[in-house]
Amino acid sequence: MVTQLPPSSQSNIIYPDSDEQPMADNTKQFELIVLIKKNLDLLFADDANVFVAGDLLWYPVEGNNVNRRAPDVMVVFGRPKGDRGSYLQWQEDNIPPQVVFEILSPGNRAKDMIAKYKFYQRYGVEEYYLYDPDTEELTGWLRSEDELQEIEQMVGWVSPRLGIRFELVDNNLQIFRPDGQRFLSYLELDQLRQQECQRAEQERQRAENAESRLLEERQRAENAEAELEALRALLKARGIDPD
């Protein structure tokens, strides 16, 4: 049972924006967090009421600044995009994050992960995904009534909320958008951008070359017409009917 503090006390409580913990313990964990967060940003870029955050403190209960978690990635449907120092649920129409992701690192302890699971179950998370990049183990839970129940088969699983599909390819996590496109890193996206720029430049050059050839053919035709008219004039000057 959560005890609500009197309003006068609640207004004086500070909710820190940082837990003074690093976002990630190693490069592998960091890259996966960024990959998921940024691709979800792209996936919901056109929906103003889907908020995606990474390593943001979530306070579910007003008046309690100790009860908090910072999911590696969280998605909230029904809340506008925008900058936040932390996610104060009572200021967000009391909407909890519906989907959370955690990427394990060697520093994560079993006790901490159990506490996170209990927190997410208690405060309304609908989908919880956990990946260990060292063991390549992918686990997921889906809410059924008041409980997060483990998903039996995560390979090929499609998130009900996000529409994304989870796969393990060569024992590495890969996530696919609803359109079948794989989540891409910034480097891969930049390479695709460069390839697209190169294709666009090649198309522009082909178009310019085609236009240049057309102009050359038009000029040759005009030159031939001019030469023909000059010959007609010469023949007429000599009394010869050119026709």
Protein backbone atom coordinates (compact mmCIF):
# COMPACT_ATOMS: atom_id res chain seq x y z
CA MET A 1 0.00 0.00 0.00
CA VAL A 2 1.34 3.44 -0.97
CA THR A 3 0.87 6.21 1.57
CA GLN A 4 0.18 9.60 -0.02
CA LEU A 5 1.78 12.54 1.73
CA PRO A 6 -0.20 15.72 2.47
CA PRO A 7 -0.19 18.23 -0.42
CA SER A 8 1.76 20.78 1.60
CA SER A 9 4.57 18.25 2.08
CA GLN A 10 4.46 17.00 -1.51
CA SER A 11 5.03 20.47 -2.94
CA ASN A 12 8.34 20.73 -1.08
CA ILE A 13 9.75 17.44 -2.29
CA ILE A 14 12.56 17.49 -4.86
CA TYR A 15 12.62 14.80 -7.52
CA PRO A 16 16.23 14.55 -8.76
CA ASP A 17 16.79 14.26 -12.49
CA SER A 18 19.81 12.01 -12.04
CA ASP A 19 20.52 8.87 -10.05
CA GLU A 20 24.26 9.51 -10.48
CA GLN A 21 24.61 6.20 -12.28
CA PRO A 22 26.14 5.89 -15.77
CA MET A 23 23.82 5.24 -18.67
CA ALA A 24 25.84 2.13 -19.58
CA ASP A 25 28.71 0.12 -18.14
CA ASN A 26 30.35 -0.74 -21.46
CA THR A 27 30.27 0.07 -25.17
CA LYS A 28 28.19 -2.97 -26.11
CA GLN A 29 25.42 -2.03 -23.70
CA PHE A 30 25.56 1.64 -24.72
CA GLU A 31 25.34 0.87 -28.44
CA LEU A 32 22.29 -1.37 -27.95
CA ILE A 33 20.51 1.22 -25.81
CA VAL A 34 21.14 3.92 -28.42
CA LEU A 35 20.15 1.58 -31.26
CA ILE A 36 16.76 0.79 -29.69
CA LYS A 37 16.03 4.33 -28.53
CA LYS A 38 16.91 6.09 -31.79
CA ASN A 39 15.11 3.56 -33.99
CA LEU A 40 11.98 3.90 -31.87
CA ASP A 41 12.32 7.68 -32.30
CA LEU A 42 12.30 7.13 -36.06
CA LEU A 43 9.45 4.62 -35.90
CA PHE A 44 7.16 7.07 -34.08
CA ALA A 45 8.54 10.31 -35.52
CA ASP A 46 5.18 11.20 -37.06
CA ASP A 47 3.14 10.49 -33.93
CA ALA A 48 3.21 13.52 -31.64
CA ASN A 49 1.71 11.53 -28.77
CA VAL A 50 4.36 8.86 -28.37
CA PHE A 51 7.16 9.76 -25.96
CA VAL A 52 10.40 7.76 -26.15
CA ALA A 53 13.19 8.20 -23.62
CA GLY A 54 16.46 6.59 -22.65
CA ASP A 55 17.85 6.40 -19.11
CA LEU A 56 15.19 8.79 -17.79
CA LEU A 57 14.13 8.59 -14.16
CA TRP A 58 10.50 7.59 -13.75
CA TYR A 59 8.72 8.57 -10.55
CA PRO A 60 5.33 6.82 -10.39
CA VAL A 61 4.06 8.21 -7.08
CA GLU A 62 3.78 11.86 -6.10
CA GLY A 63 5.42 12.55 -2.77
CA ASN A 64 7.89 9.67 -3.01
CA ASN A 65 11.25 10.60 -4.51
CA VAL A 66 12.93 7.35 -3.52
CA ASN A 67 10.62 5.01 -5.40
CA ARG A 68 11.97 5.39 -8.95
CA ARG A 69 13.56 3.58 -11.86
CA ALA A 70 15.41 4.64 -15.00
CA PRO A 71 14.67 2.10 -17.75
CA ASP A 72 17.33 1.89 -20.43
CA VAL A 73 14.55 2.71 -22.91
CA MET A 74 10.90 3.43 -22.26
CA VAL A 75 7.95 4.21 -24.51
CA VAL A 76 4.83 6.07 -23.39
CA PHE A 77 1.77 6.15 -25.61
CA GLY A 78 -0.58 9.05 -25.04
CA ARG A 79 2.03 11.59 -23.93
CA PRO A 80 3.53 14.32 -26.11
CA LYS A 81 7.10 14.39 -27.27
CA GLY A 82 9.37 16.90 -25.59
CA ASP A 83 12.25 17.37 -23.20
CA ARG A 84 11.89 16.25 -19.60
CA GLY A 85 14.29 16.15 -16.69
CA SER A 86 12.43 13.13 -15.35
CA TYR A 87 9.10 11.42 -15.90
CA LEU A 88 6.75 12.51 -13.09
CA GLN A 89 3.78 10.27 -13.74
CA TRP A 90 1.21 12.39 -11.89
CA GLN A 91 2.06 15.28 -14.23
CA GLU A 92 1.62 13.02 -17.29
CA ASP A 93 -2.11 12.23 -16.91
CA ASN A 94 -0.95 9.42 -14.61
CA ILE A 95 0.06 7.36 -17.68
CA PRO A 96 2.90 4.91 -16.96
CA PRO A 97 5.37 3.80 -19.62
CA GLN A 98 3.73 0.91 -21.44
CA VAL A 99 6.95 -0.59 -22.83
CA VAL A 100 10.41 -0.76 -21.23
CA PHE A 101 13.73 -2.22 -22.33
CA GLU A 102 16.68 -3.21 -20.19
CA ILE A 103 20.12 -4.18 -21.54
CA LEU A 104 22.14 -6.15 -19.02
CA SER A 105 25.73 -5.38 -18.16
CA PRO A 106 28.20 -7.27 -15.96
CA GLY A 107 27.39 -4.82 -13.15
CA ASN A 108 23.73 -5.80 -13.00
CA ARG A 109 22.93 -8.01 -10.02
CA ALA A 110 20.12 -10.53 -9.84
CA LYS A 111 18.67 -8.66 -6.85
CA ASP A 112 18.52 -5.42 -8.87
CA MET A 113 16.84 -7.11 -11.83
CA ILE A 114 14.23 -8.72 -9.55
CA ALA A 115 13.52 -5.32 -8.02
CA LYS A 116 13.10 -3.81 -11.50
CA TYR A 117 10.71 -6.57 -12.52
CA LYS A 118 8.60 -6.01 -9.40
CA PHE A 119 8.61 -2.25 -9.98
CA TYR A 120 7.49 -2.59 -13.60
CA GLN A 121 4.83 -5.10 -12.67
CA ARG A 122 3.50 -2.95 -9.83
CA TYR A 123 3.31 0.29 -11.77
CA GLY A 124 1.58 -0.80 -14.95
CA VAL A 125 4.21 -1.66 -17.56
CA GLU A 126 2.56 -3.74 -20.28
CA GLU A 127 5.66 -5.08 -22.02
CA TYR A 128 9.10 -5.60 -20.52
CA TYR A 129 12.07 -6.76 -22.63
CA LEU A 130 15.42 -7.80 -21.20
CA TYR A 131 18.52 -8.66 -23.23
CA ASP A 132 21.93 -9.87 -22.08
CA PRO A 133 24.49 -9.14 -24.83
CA ASP A 134 27.09 -11.37 -23.17
CA THR A 135 24.96 -14.51 -23.09
CA GLU A 136 22.74 -13.43 -26.04
CA GLU A 137 19.71 -14.28 -23.91
CA LEU A 138 16.50 -12.43 -24.76
CA THR A 139 13.59 -12.49 -22.32
CA GLY A 140 10.25 -10.75 -22.43
CA TRP A 141 7.17 -10.33 -20.28
CA LEU A 142 3.64 -9.35 -21.29
CA ARG A 143 1.01 -8.09 -18.90
CA SER A 144 -1.95 -10.32 -18.29
CA GLU A 145 -4.38 -8.63 -15.92
CA ASP A 146 -2.25 -7.59 -12.92
CA GLU A 147 0.83 -9.66 -13.67
CA LEU A 148 3.74 -9.59 -16.11
CA GLN A 149 3.93 -13.11 -17.51
CA GLU A 150 6.99 -14.41 -19.30
CA ILE A 151 6.74 -14.78 -23.08
CA GLU A 152 7.51 -18.40 -23.92
CA GLN A 153 9.10 -17.78 -27.32
CA MET A 154 10.85 -14.47 -27.90
CA VAL A 155 12.43 -15.36 -31.25
CA GLY A 156 10.01 -14.04 -33.84
CA TRP A 157 7.91 -12.30 -31.17
CA VAL A 158 6.04 -9.19 -32.32
CA SER A 159 5.41 -6.48 -29.73
CA PRO A 160 1.66 -5.79 -29.46
CA ARG A 161 2.29 -2.12 -28.68
CA LEU A 162 5.24 -1.34 -30.94
CA GLY A 163 4.69 -3.74 -33.82
CA ILE A 164 8.42 -4.55 -33.87
CA ARG A 165 9.75 -8.09 -34.27
CA PHE A 166 12.58 -9.64 -32.26
CA GLU A 167 15.07 -12.04 -33.81
CA LEU A 168 18.36 -13.62 -32.77
CA VAL A 169 20.63 -13.76 -35.84
CA ASP A 170 23.95 -15.51 -35.24
CA ASN A 171 23.11 -15.18 -31.55
CA ASN A 172 22.88 -11.39 -31.83
CA LEU A 173 19.73 -9.42 -31.15
CA GLN A 174 18.13 -7.90 -34.22
CA ILE A 175 14.90 -5.95 -34.20
CA PHE A 176 12.71 -5.32 -37.23
CA ARG A 177 10.23 -2.54 -37.86
CA PRO A 178 6.63 -3.35 -38.86
CA ASP A 179 7.65 -2.73 -42.50
CA GLY A 180 10.34 -5.41 -42.20
CA GLN A 181 13.30 -3.04 -42.14
CA ARG A 182 15.94 -3.91 -39.58
CA PHE A 183 16.83 -1.46 -36.80
CA LEU A 184 19.97 0.25 -38.11
CA SER A 185 22.82 1.93 -36.29
CA TYR A 186 23.74 5.56 -36.94
CA LEU A 187 26.70 4.38 -39.03
CA GLU A 188 24.47 2.10 -41.14
CA LEU A 189 21.91 4.89 -41.59
CA ASP A 190 24.67 7.28 -42.66
CA GLN A 191 26.00 4.71 -45.14
CA LEU A 192 22.49 4.34 -46.58
CA ARG A 193 22.23 8.14 -46.77
CA GLN A 194 25.52 8.32 -48.65
CA GLN A 195 24.42 5.54 -51.02
CA GLU A 196 21.15 7.38 -51.62
CA CYS A 197 23.06 10.60 -52.29
CA GLN A 198 25.29 8.76 -54.73
CA ARG A 199 22.29 7.27 -56.51
CA ALA A 200 20.64 10.68 -56.66
CA GLU A 201 23.84 12.20 -58.08
CA GLN A 202 24.08 9.43 -60.67
CA GLU A 203 20.44 10.01 -61.63
CA ARG A 204 21.11 13.75 -61.89
CA GLN A 205 24.13 13.16 -64.09
CA ARG A 206 22.19 10.74 -66.30
CA ALA A 207 19.41 13.31 -66.63
CA GLU A 208 21.92 16.05 -67.46
CA ASN A 209 23.63 13.80 -70.02
CA ALA A 210 20.30 12.92 -71.60
CA GLU A 211 19.35 16.60 -71.74
CA SER A 212 22.76 17.44 -73.22
CA ARG A 213 22.34 14.77 -75.92
CA LEU A 214 18.88 16.10 -76.69
CA LEU A 215 20.24 19.63 -77.04
CA GLU A 216 23.03 18.38 -79.30
CA GLU A 217 20.56 16.52 -81.51
CA ARG A 218 18.32 19.60 -81.64
CA GLN A 219 21.32 21.76 -82.56
CA ARG A 220 22.34 19.34 -85.32
CA ALA A 221 18.80 19.39 -86.65
CA GLU A 222 18.77 23.20 -86.61
CA ASN A 223 22.16 23.29 -88.34
CA ALA A 224 20.97 20.87 -91.00
CA GLU A 225 17.83 22.98 -91.55
CA ALA A 226 19.95 26.10 -91.85
CA GLU A 227 22.24 24.44 -94.36
CA LEU A 228 19.24 23.27 -96.37
CA GLU A 229 17.78 26.77 -96.42
CA ALA A 230 21.13 28.18 -97.52
CA LEU A 231 21.30 25.65 -100.35
CA ARG A 232 17.75 26.53 -101.43
CA ALA A 233 18.68 30.21 -101.49
CA LEU A 234 21.79 29.47 -103.56
CA LEU A 235 19.87 27.41 -106.07
CA LYS A 236 17.23 30.12 -106.41
CA ALA A 237 19.95 32.73 -106.96
CA ARG A 238 21.20 30.66 -109.88
CA GLY A 239 17.75 30.30 -111.34
CA ILE A 240 17.25 26.74 -110.24
CA ASP A 241 13.99 25.67 -108.66
CA PRO A 242 15.06 23.82 -105.48
CA ASP A 243 11.73 21.99 -105.40
